[in-house]
Amino acid sequence: MLTAVFELLYNVSRKLPQVEQPKRILSSKEKLMWTVAILLVYFLLYNVTALGVKESVGLADVFQVLTASRQGSLLALGIGPIVMAGIFIQLFSGGGLLNLDPHNPETQKKILGAQATLAIVIAVLEAVIFTLGYANNGQFALTPTMPVILFVVLQLALGAIAVIYMDQIVTKYGIGSGIGLFIAAGVSYGIILGVGYTLFGDAGIVSAVADGGIEGLSNAFIQFLPFISTAIVFWFVVYGESAKVKMPLSIPGAHKPLELPFFYVSNLPVIFAAALLINVLLISQSLISTPLTESGPSWQHYLGGILFMMTPVYAGFNIPQYINDMANGVTPILGLPQWLHAITYVITLTLLSVYFGKFWVEMSPQQNPKELAEILSQQNIAIRGHRSDKRFIEKKLEQYIWPLTVAGSLGVGLLAGVANLMGAYGTGTGILLTVGILFRMVEELKQTLSVHYPNIAKLLFGG
């Protein structure tokens, strides 16, 4: 059944407009020009409000960071449809529900085609859901008649489809991937807005200093917390991304260690964990808003109150108000201290990150010890001092991979949670994503320059 659906999606993709591969190898200058051009189009759509919807002016939340989106704009869906389509294909393929060979070029072509078609289908469905949400929450600038609703659905769907094609253009003609570029751009934009608000906002540093007195200077100093937390998180993420664990291998004709990254599954665990907690937030809000009974709160309210304890906490940029809320505020229904809510959130995010990290390694053919041992054994690569035995390699890999998976996932979850509590610009999850993306883009730029402009590559990157 799933195989038939997969083939149908691929066959539909063949009828859709295609972004062809370049006929020749593009120079670094051409790749850079394509990247900048797509980035300009992205920011144009990002800042254009969909007709019929109220303009949404707000600082990026976790959902908007993960999807490189902006609520109320033509990019309200962002890269969400692409990511969801990729997750579905990966899960079905990794779980054995789809019999696909990812090493086969023809299969790879089918996967990309089916994923693009599925992304378009998801884009239309999400456009309908988002539009109905706008109507229910009073976010329409016009009376939400059926023609207006359909027009908004059309705009959001076309915006998401434009992102799908822009992602393909960047991947084939630009530097890095479109998904990575859009996330990094959105987070960077959020950082710029955050810095501006911290300096010149109503509760910003300039306003605090202008108020004068000891209290004003104290508030101005406290407003530096987002600066400090952002810098600290950047440092830790850069260190974690560059840290490697070397595993001794014996390669015919050479001795070269296998380098496993400390963040073995990168930032994927915290992406899944954050996305899940966003849904927990929506469910808790729905339960808490249930009308009260004559005898008071019902079981729905208490369940909503319990779920609320796990929902995301973000400092925002009015730090003095945030500190006051943490010290004196209480959660709805249960009436527990807000600081306990914050601690519960960080613990939940961290534990979920570890769970999703282990899940991803088990589901990914090229990352779990068994499959990786098979690949190494086929290439006659062995553990130094031992013969090329697949079972021994697998056992040795397990000693490295599983501790790295747990430690790396624990690290990214803890970093993201604490950064959110400290008000890091672009959210902790956004910084994790952006640093990882920039690392890969710089590496690709280095390789491209090494081919076309070796002297410039040597000057910029050494070696």
Protein backbone atom coordinates (compact mmCIF):
# COMPACT_ATOMS: atom_id res chain seq x y z
CA MET A 1 0.00 0.00 0.00
CA LEU A 2 2.68 2.49 1.04
CA THR A 3 4.85 1.46 -1.91
CA ALA A 4 1.96 2.20 -4.28
CA VAL A 5 1.45 5.63 -2.68
CA PHE A 6 5.19 6.30 -2.96
CA GLU A 7 5.18 5.43 -6.67
CA LEU A 8 2.09 7.61 -7.21
CA LEU A 9 3.81 10.58 -5.53
CA TYR A 10 6.88 10.08 -7.71
CA ASN A 11 4.83 9.81 -10.92
CA VAL A 12 2.98 13.04 -10.03
CA SER A 13 6.32 14.80 -9.44
CA ARG A 14 7.35 14.00 -13.03
CA LYS A 15 4.37 16.09 -14.26
CA LEU A 16 5.30 19.08 -12.09
CA PRO A 17 7.77 21.85 -13.01
CA GLN A 18 11.33 20.70 -12.33
CA VAL A 19 14.48 22.49 -11.20
CA GLU A 20 17.06 20.92 -13.49
CA GLN A 21 20.63 20.23 -12.47
CA PRO A 22 23.12 22.80 -13.82
CA LYS A 23 24.62 21.82 -17.19
CA ARG A 24 28.14 22.63 -15.93
CA ILE A 25 30.04 23.09 -12.70
CA LEU A 26 29.19 26.52 -11.30
CA SER A 27 31.86 28.88 -10.05
CA SER A 28 31.92 30.15 -6.48
CA LYS A 29 30.75 33.57 -7.69
CA GLU A 30 27.75 32.08 -9.51
CA LYS A 31 26.79 29.95 -6.49
CA LEU A 32 27.04 32.98 -4.24
CA MET A 33 24.87 35.07 -6.61
CA TRP A 34 22.16 32.37 -6.69
CA THR A 35 22.24 32.09 -2.90
CA VAL A 36 21.94 35.85 -2.37
CA ALA A 37 19.16 36.15 -4.96
CA ILE A 38 17.06 33.42 -3.32
CA LEU A 39 17.74 34.94 0.11
CA LEU A 40 16.38 38.28 -1.10
CA VAL A 41 13.21 36.62 -2.42
CA TYR A 42 12.84 34.77 0.88
CA PHE A 43 13.03 37.97 2.92
CA LEU A 44 10.58 39.67 0.54
CA LEU A 45 7.98 36.94 1.09
CA TYR A 46 8.87 36.83 4.81
CA ASN A 47 7.92 40.48 5.26
CA VAL A 48 4.79 40.58 3.06
CA THR A 49 1.57 40.05 5.02
CA ALA A 50 -0.98 37.78 3.36
CA LEU A 51 -3.94 39.79 2.05
CA GLY A 52 -6.94 39.45 4.34
CA VAL A 53 -4.89 38.62 7.44
CA LYS A 54 -3.88 41.01 10.21
CA GLU A 55 -0.21 41.89 10.29
CA SER A 56 1.58 39.81 12.92
CA VAL A 57 4.48 41.64 14.51
CA GLY A 58 6.23 39.56 17.10
CA LEU A 59 9.54 38.06 18.09
CA ALA A 60 10.32 34.59 16.80
CA ASP A 61 9.01 31.70 18.86
CA VAL A 62 10.27 28.12 18.72
CA PHE A 63 7.78 27.08 16.00
CA GLN A 64 8.73 29.96 13.72
CA VAL A 65 12.43 29.24 14.26
CA LEU A 66 12.04 25.54 13.41
CA THR A 67 10.05 26.29 10.26
CA ALA A 68 11.80 29.52 9.17
CA SER A 69 8.34 31.09 9.07
CA ARG A 70 6.56 34.27 10.16
CA GLN A 71 2.94 34.16 11.22
CA GLY A 72 0.57 36.22 9.09
CA SER A 73 3.06 36.51 6.22
CA LEU A 74 3.18 34.67 2.91
CA LEU A 75 5.73 32.40 4.59
CA ALA A 76 3.44 31.42 7.49
CA LEU A 77 4.20 27.75 6.72
CA GLY A 78 7.90 28.22 6.01
CA ILE A 79 9.83 24.99 5.50
CA GLY A 80 7.32 23.03 7.59
CA PRO A 81 5.90 21.03 4.63
CA ILE A 82 9.40 20.12 3.39
CA VAL A 83 10.52 18.97 6.83
CA MET A 84 7.36 16.96 7.48
CA ALA A 85 7.59 15.28 4.07
CA GLY A 86 11.23 14.40 4.73
CA ILE A 87 10.39 12.98 8.16
CA PHE A 88 7.59 10.79 6.75
CA ILE A 89 9.80 9.40 3.97
CA GLN A 90 12.69 8.81 6.41
CA LEU A 91 10.55 7.06 9.01
CA PHE A 92 8.78 4.83 6.48
CA SER A 93 12.06 3.98 4.75
CA GLY A 94 14.11 3.48 7.93
CA GLY A 95 11.34 1.45 9.54
CA GLY A 96 11.28 -0.99 6.62
CA LEU A 97 7.78 0.03 5.52
CA LEU A 98 9.22 1.16 2.20
CA ASN A 99 11.78 -1.11 0.55
CA LEU A 100 14.16 1.54 -0.75
CA ASP A 101 17.89 1.41 -1.45
CA PRO A 102 19.20 4.92 -0.69
CA HIS A 103 22.51 4.12 -2.42
CA ASN A 104 20.81 3.54 -5.78
CA PRO A 105 20.85 6.76 -7.90
CA GLU A 106 17.46 5.93 -9.43
CA THR A 107 15.97 5.37 -5.97
CA GLN A 108 17.44 8.65 -4.76
CA LYS A 109 15.74 10.40 -7.67
CA LYS A 110 12.42 8.78 -6.78
CA ILE A 111 12.78 9.74 -3.11
CA LEU A 112 13.40 13.41 -3.97
CA GLY A 113 10.47 13.45 -6.41
CA ALA A 114 8.04 11.76 -4.01
CA GLN A 115 9.19 14.02 -1.18
CA ALA A 116 8.57 17.16 -3.27
CA THR A 117 5.05 16.03 -4.19
CA LEU A 118 4.26 15.08 -0.59
CA ALA A 119 5.55 18.48 0.57
CA ILE A 120 3.12 20.23 -1.78
CA VAL A 121 0.22 18.11 -0.48
CA ILE A 122 1.19 18.91 3.12
CA ALA A 123 1.52 22.61 2.19
CA VAL A 124 -2.10 22.72 1.00
CA LEU A 125 -3.36 20.87 4.10
CA GLU A 126 -1.39 23.11 6.47
CA ALA A 127 -2.60 26.21 4.62
CA VAL A 128 -6.20 25.13 5.31
CA ILE A 129 -5.45 24.43 8.99
CA PHE A 130 -3.61 27.72 9.50
CA THR A 131 -6.32 29.73 7.75
CA LEU A 132 -9.07 28.20 9.87
CA GLY A 133 -6.94 28.96 12.92
CA TYR A 134 -6.68 32.62 11.85
CA ALA A 135 -10.46 32.75 11.43
CA ASN A 136 -11.13 31.23 14.87
CA ASN A 137 -8.63 33.53 16.60
CA GLY A 138 -9.87 36.75 15.04
CA GLN A 139 -6.73 37.31 12.96
CA PHE A 140 -8.59 38.15 9.75
CA ALA A 141 -8.46 41.76 8.62
CA LEU A 142 -11.61 41.15 6.55
CA THR A 143 -14.84 39.34 7.28
CA PRO A 144 -13.90 35.63 6.96
CA THR A 145 -16.37 34.70 4.22
CA MET A 146 -15.71 31.57 2.16
CA PRO A 147 -14.08 33.48 -0.77
CA VAL A 148 -11.75 35.32 1.65
CA ILE A 149 -10.81 32.07 3.43
CA LEU A 150 -10.07 30.34 0.12
CA PHE A 151 -7.97 33.32 -1.02
CA VAL A 152 -5.87 33.18 2.17
CA VAL A 153 -5.45 29.42 1.77
CA LEU A 154 -4.23 29.99 -1.79
CA GLN A 155 -1.69 32.61 -0.67
CA LEU A 156 -0.25 30.49 2.14
CA ALA A 157 -0.09 27.38 -0.07
CA LEU A 158 1.65 29.25 -2.91
CA GLY A 159 4.10 30.77 -0.44
CA ALA A 160 5.00 27.30 0.87
CA ILE A 161 5.28 25.89 -2.66
CA ALA A 162 7.60 28.79 -3.57
CA VAL A 163 9.82 27.80 -0.62
CA ILE A 164 9.89 24.18 -1.88
CA TYR A 165 11.23 25.31 -5.25
CA MET A 166 13.61 27.87 -3.71
CA ASP A 167 15.05 25.07 -1.58
CA GLN A 168 15.72 23.04 -4.73
CA ILE A 169 17.36 26.01 -6.46
CA VAL A 170 19.72 26.68 -3.55
CA THR A 171 20.59 22.99 -3.20
CA LYS A 172 21.45 22.68 -6.92
CA TYR A 173 22.77 26.14 -7.77
CA GLY A 174 23.74 27.75 -4.47
CA ILE A 175 25.76 27.12 -1.32
CA GLY A 176 24.41 24.58 1.19
CA SER A 177 20.73 23.66 1.32
CA GLY A 178 17.73 25.93 1.08
CA ILE A 179 16.30 24.62 4.36
CA GLY A 180 19.50 25.46 6.20
CA LEU A 181 19.80 28.85 4.54
CA PHE A 182 16.24 29.85 5.44
CA ILE A 183 16.55 28.74 9.06
CA ALA A 184 19.85 30.58 9.46
CA ALA A 185 18.38 33.68 7.81
CA GLY A 186 15.28 33.61 10.03
CA VAL A 187 17.32 33.17 13.22
CA SER A 188 19.76 35.91 12.18
CA TYR A 189 16.83 38.21 11.49
CA GLY A 190 15.42 37.36 14.94
CA ILE A 191 18.79 38.14 16.54
CA ILE A 192 18.90 41.55 14.85
CA LEU A 193 15.35 42.32 16.02
CA GLY A 194 16.25 41.12 19.51
CA VAL A 195 19.34 43.30 19.74
CA GLY A 196 17.34 46.30 18.51
CA TYR A 197 14.59 45.68 21.07
CA THR A 198 17.10 45.22 23.90
CA LEU A 199 18.80 48.50 23.06
CA PHE A 200 15.90 50.70 22.01
CA GLY A 201 12.67 48.94 23.09
CA ASP A 202 10.24 50.17 25.74
CA ALA A 203 12.10 48.21 28.41
CA GLY A 204 15.48 48.42 26.64
CA ILE A 205 18.86 49.60 27.85
CA VAL A 206 18.51 53.14 26.48
CA SER A 207 15.14 53.56 28.18
CA ALA A 208 16.45 52.11 31.46
CA VAL A 209 19.48 54.43 31.51
CA ALA A 210 17.27 57.42 30.65
CA ASP A 211 15.14 56.69 33.73
CA GLY A 212 18.26 57.31 35.81
CA GLY A 213 19.01 56.30 39.36
CA ILE A 214 20.32 53.04 40.76
CA GLU A 215 17.22 51.13 39.68
CA GLY A 216 17.59 52.34 36.10
CA LEU A 217 21.25 51.28 35.95
CA SER A 218 20.36 47.94 37.54
CA ASN A 219 17.67 47.30 34.92
CA ALA A 220 20.09 48.30 32.16
CA PHE A 221 22.62 45.74 33.42
CA ILE A 222 19.94 43.02 33.66
CA GLN A 223 18.94 43.70 30.05
CA PHE A 224 22.42 42.50 29.03
CA LEU A 225 21.42 38.94 29.98
CA PRO A 226 20.29 38.01 26.42
CA PHE A 227 23.64 39.27 25.04
CA ILE A 228 25.57 37.17 27.54
CA SER A 229 23.43 34.05 27.14
CA THR A 230 23.60 34.22 23.32
CA ALA A 231 27.40 34.51 23.40
CA ILE A 232 27.73 31.61 25.87
CA VAL A 233 25.43 29.34 23.84
CA PHE A 234 27.27 30.18 20.61
CA TRP A 235 30.59 29.27 22.23
CA PHE A 236 29.32 25.95 23.58
CA VAL A 237 27.66 25.02 20.28
CA VAL A 238 30.76 25.89 18.23
CA TYR A 239 32.89 23.84 20.63
CA GLY A 240 30.46 20.91 20.50
CA GLU A 241 30.22 21.01 16.69
CA SER A 242 34.01 20.95 16.30
CA ALA A 243 34.65 18.29 18.98
CA LYS A 244 35.44 14.82 17.61
CA VAL A 245 36.01 11.41 19.18
CA LYS A 246 38.61 9.36 17.32
CA MET A 247 38.15 5.64 16.86
CA PRO A 248 41.27 3.68 15.76
CA LEU A 249 40.77 1.95 12.42
CA SER A 250 42.96 -0.11 10.16
CA ILE A 251 42.59 0.91 6.52
CA PRO A 252 44.49 -1.00 3.81
CA GLY A 253 47.61 1.04 3.02
CA ALA A 254 47.05 3.66 5.73
CA HIS A 255 46.22 4.23 9.39
CA LYS A 256 43.42 6.73 9.83
CA PRO A 257 41.09 7.16 12.81
CA LEU A 258 37.34 7.29 12.29
CA GLU A 259 36.19 10.65 13.66
CA LEU A 260 32.76 10.61 15.29
CA PRO A 261 31.27 14.03 16.13
CA PHE A 262 30.39 14.74 19.75
CA PHE A 263 26.96 15.90 18.56
CA TYR A 264 26.56 12.53 16.83
CA VAL A 265 22.99 13.16 15.66
CA SER A 266 23.55 16.90 15.36
CA ASN A 267 20.54 18.99 16.44
CA LEU A 268 17.83 16.59 15.22
CA PRO A 269 16.88 15.39 18.75
CA VAL A 270 16.08 18.88 20.01
CA ILE A 271 14.13 19.70 16.83
CA PHE A 272 11.81 16.73 17.39
CA ALA A 273 11.58 17.40 21.14
CA ALA A 274 10.77 21.09 20.65
CA ALA A 275 8.17 20.28 17.98
CA LEU A 276 6.50 17.77 20.32
CA LEU A 277 6.40 20.26 23.21
CA ILE A 278 4.79 22.86 20.95
CA ASN A 279 1.94 20.40 20.39
CA VAL A 280 1.79 19.73 24.15
CA LEU A 281 1.39 23.50 24.63
CA LEU A 282 -1.52 23.62 22.17
CA ILE A 283 -3.24 20.68 23.89
CA SER A 284 -2.74 22.15 27.38
CA GLN A 285 -4.13 25.52 26.31
CA SER A 286 -7.15 23.81 24.78
CA LEU A 287 -7.82 21.83 27.98
CA ILE A 288 -7.28 24.80 30.30
CA SER A 289 -9.69 26.96 28.27
CA THR A 290 -12.50 24.40 28.75
CA PRO A 291 -15.47 26.11 30.52
CA LEU A 292 -15.49 25.61 34.29
CA THR A 293 -18.13 23.37 35.85
CA GLU A 294 -20.33 24.45 38.76
CA SER A 295 -18.08 22.55 41.15
CA GLY A 296 -14.93 24.18 39.79
CA PRO A 297 -12.11 22.81 37.57
CA SER A 298 -12.75 19.44 35.91
CA TRP A 299 -10.27 16.67 35.09
CA GLN A 300 -9.60 18.38 31.73
CA HIS A 301 -8.38 21.49 33.55
CA TYR A 302 -6.09 19.49 35.84
CA LEU A 303 -4.70 17.48 32.92
CA GLY A 304 -4.09 20.76 31.07
CA GLY A 305 -2.33 22.14 34.16
CA ILE A 306 -0.06 19.10 34.36
CA LEU A 307 0.80 19.28 30.65
CA PHE A 308 1.45 23.01 30.98
CA MET A 309 4.36 22.23 33.34
CA MET A 310 6.23 20.69 30.39
CA THR A 311 5.55 23.51 27.90
CA PRO A 312 8.29 25.84 26.58
CA VAL A 313 9.47 28.79 28.65
CA TYR A 314 11.16 31.68 26.88
CA ALA A 315 12.53 34.74 28.65
CA GLY A 316 11.68 37.26 25.94
CA PHE A 317 13.44 40.62 26.07
CA ASN A 318 11.80 42.40 29.00
CA ILE A 319 14.16 40.72 31.43
CA PRO A 320 13.14 42.58 34.63
CA GLN A 321 9.49 41.58 34.05
CA TYR A 322 10.55 38.01 33.27
CA ILE A 323 12.58 37.73 36.50
CA ASN A 324 9.62 39.06 38.46
CA ASP A 325 7.32 36.49 36.82
CA MET A 326 9.76 33.68 37.64
CA ALA A 327 10.00 34.78 41.26
CA ASN A 328 6.34 35.53 41.95
CA GLY A 329 4.24 34.00 39.15
CA VAL A 330 2.28 30.75 39.35
CA THR A 331 1.07 28.31 36.72
CA PRO A 332 -2.63 28.09 35.73
CA ILE A 333 -4.91 25.57 37.49
CA LEU A 334 -2.24 23.93 39.66
CA GLY A 335 -0.88 27.24 41.00
CA LEU A 336 2.73 26.00 41.14
CA PRO A 337 5.67 28.47 41.05
CA GLN A 338 6.80 29.55 37.60
CA TRP A 339 10.41 28.71 38.45
CA LEU A 340 9.32 25.09 38.95
CA HIS A 341 7.62 25.22 35.53
CA ALA A 342 10.92 26.42 34.02
CA ILE A 343 12.93 23.61 35.64
CA THR A 344 10.37 20.99 34.58
CA TYR A 345 10.50 22.28 31.00
CA VAL A 346 14.31 22.02 30.78
CA ILE A 347 14.30 18.49 32.24
CA THR A 348 11.50 17.38 29.88
CA LEU A 349 13.21 18.88 26.82
CA THR A 350 16.51 17.23 27.75
CA LEU A 351 15.01 13.77 28.35
CA LEU A 352 12.97 13.94 25.15
CA SER A 353 16.09 14.95 23.22
CA VAL A 354 17.91 11.86 24.52
CA TYR A 355 14.95 9.65 23.55
CA PHE A 356 14.68 11.08 20.03
CA GLY A 357 18.47 10.92 19.60
CA LYS A 358 18.51 7.17 20.32
CA PHE A 359 15.40 6.69 18.18
CA TRP A 360 17.00 8.47 15.21
CA VAL A 361 20.21 6.41 15.41
CA GLU A 362 18.20 3.18 15.52
CA MET A 363 16.14 4.27 12.49
CA SER A 364 18.99 5.72 10.39
CA PRO A 365 20.73 3.08 8.22
CA GLN A 366 24.10 4.86 8.12
CA GLN A 367 24.27 5.88 11.78
CA ASN A 368 23.38 2.81 13.83
CA PRO A 369 26.28 0.50 14.80
CA LYS A 370 25.01 -2.56 12.91
CA GLU A 371 24.60 -0.85 9.53
CA LEU A 372 27.80 1.18 9.93
CA ALA A 373 29.74 -2.00 10.79
CA GLU A 374 28.39 -3.61 7.60
CA ILE A 375 29.60 -0.66 5.50
CA LEU A 376 33.06 -0.63 7.12
CA SER A 377 33.42 -4.41 6.79
CA GLN A 378 32.60 -4.29 3.07
CA GLN A 379 35.41 -1.75 2.63
CA ASN A 380 37.89 -4.04 4.46
CA ILE A 381 38.21 -1.53 7.29
CA ALA A 382 38.90 -3.04 10.72
CA ILE A 383 39.64 -1.98 14.27
CA ARG A 384 43.38 -1.47 14.58
CA GLY A 385 45.06 -4.64 15.86
CA HIS A 386 42.10 -6.88 14.99
CA ARG A 387 40.90 -8.66 11.88
CA SER A 388 38.00 -7.34 9.82
CA ASP A 389 35.19 -9.06 11.72
CA LYS A 390 31.80 -7.38 11.27
CA ARG A 391 30.53 -8.50 14.68
CA PHE A 392 33.60 -7.20 16.47
CA ILE A 393 33.40 -3.86 14.61
CA GLU A 394 29.71 -3.56 15.56
CA LYS A 395 30.49 -4.27 19.22
CA LYS A 396 33.26 -1.68 19.20
CA LEU A 397 31.07 0.88 17.46
CA GLU A 398 28.38 0.38 20.09
CA GLN A 399 30.91 1.34 22.77
CA TYR A 400 31.40 4.69 21.02
CA ILE A 401 28.10 5.50 19.30
CA TRP A 402 25.56 4.95 22.08
CA PRO A 403 27.43 7.00 24.73
CA LEU A 404 27.99 9.74 22.12
CA THR A 405 24.30 9.66 21.16
CA VAL A 406 23.19 10.06 24.77
CA ALA A 407 25.83 12.66 25.68
CA GLY A 408 25.34 14.70 22.50
CA SER A 409 21.54 14.62 22.72
CA LEU A 410 21.70 15.51 26.41
CA GLY A 411 24.00 18.40 25.58
CA VAL A 412 21.88 19.93 22.82
CA GLY A 413 18.67 19.53 24.86
CA LEU A 414 20.18 21.14 27.95
CA LEU A 415 21.75 23.95 25.91
CA ALA A 416 18.49 24.75 24.10
CA GLY A 417 16.43 24.72 27.30
CA VAL A 418 18.80 26.85 29.39
CA ALA A 419 19.31 29.29 26.49
CA ASN A 420 15.54 29.79 26.24
CA LEU A 421 15.34 30.49 29.98
CA MET A 422 18.14 33.05 29.66
CA GLY A 423 16.49 34.84 26.71
CA ALA A 424 19.08 33.98 24.05
CA TYR A 425 18.32 35.80 20.79
CA GLY A 426 16.69 33.57 18.18
CA THR A 427 15.93 30.95 20.89
CA GLY A 428 18.35 28.25 22.01
CA THR A 429 17.05 25.81 19.39
CA GLY A 430 17.55 28.44 16.69
CA ILE A 431 21.16 29.04 17.69
CA LEU A 432 21.87 25.29 17.68
CA LEU A 433 20.41 25.00 14.19
CA THR A 434 22.15 28.09 12.85
CA VAL A 435 25.65 27.22 14.06
CA GLY A 436 25.38 23.68 12.66
CA ILE A 437 24.09 25.01 9.35
CA LEU A 438 26.83 27.65 9.09
CA PHE A 439 29.47 25.00 9.85
CA ARG A 440 28.28 22.94 6.88
CA MET A 441 27.96 25.99 4.59
CA VAL A 442 31.49 27.15 5.44
CA GLU A 443 32.80 23.63 4.77
CA GLU A 444 31.08 23.55 1.35
CA LEU A 445 32.36 27.05 0.53
CA LYS A 446 35.87 25.91 1.48
CA GLN A 447 35.66 22.92 -0.86
CA THR A 448 34.30 25.05 -3.72
CA LEU A 449 37.00 27.70 -3.31
CA SER A 450 39.71 25.02 -3.11
CA VAL A 451 38.75 23.91 -6.64
CA HIS A 452 38.32 27.32 -8.32
CA TYR A 453 40.38 29.71 -6.16
CA PRO A 454 42.94 27.68 -4.15
CA ASN A 455 44.93 30.75 -3.09
CA ILE A 456 41.84 32.45 -1.65
CA ALA A 457 40.85 29.21 0.10
CA LYS A 458 44.34 28.96 1.63
CA LEU A 459 44.18 32.59 2.75
CA LEU A 460 40.75 32.26 4.35
CA PHE A 461 40.94 28.77 5.82
CA GLY A 462 44.66 28.05 6.02
CA GLY A 463 46.24 24.75 5.07
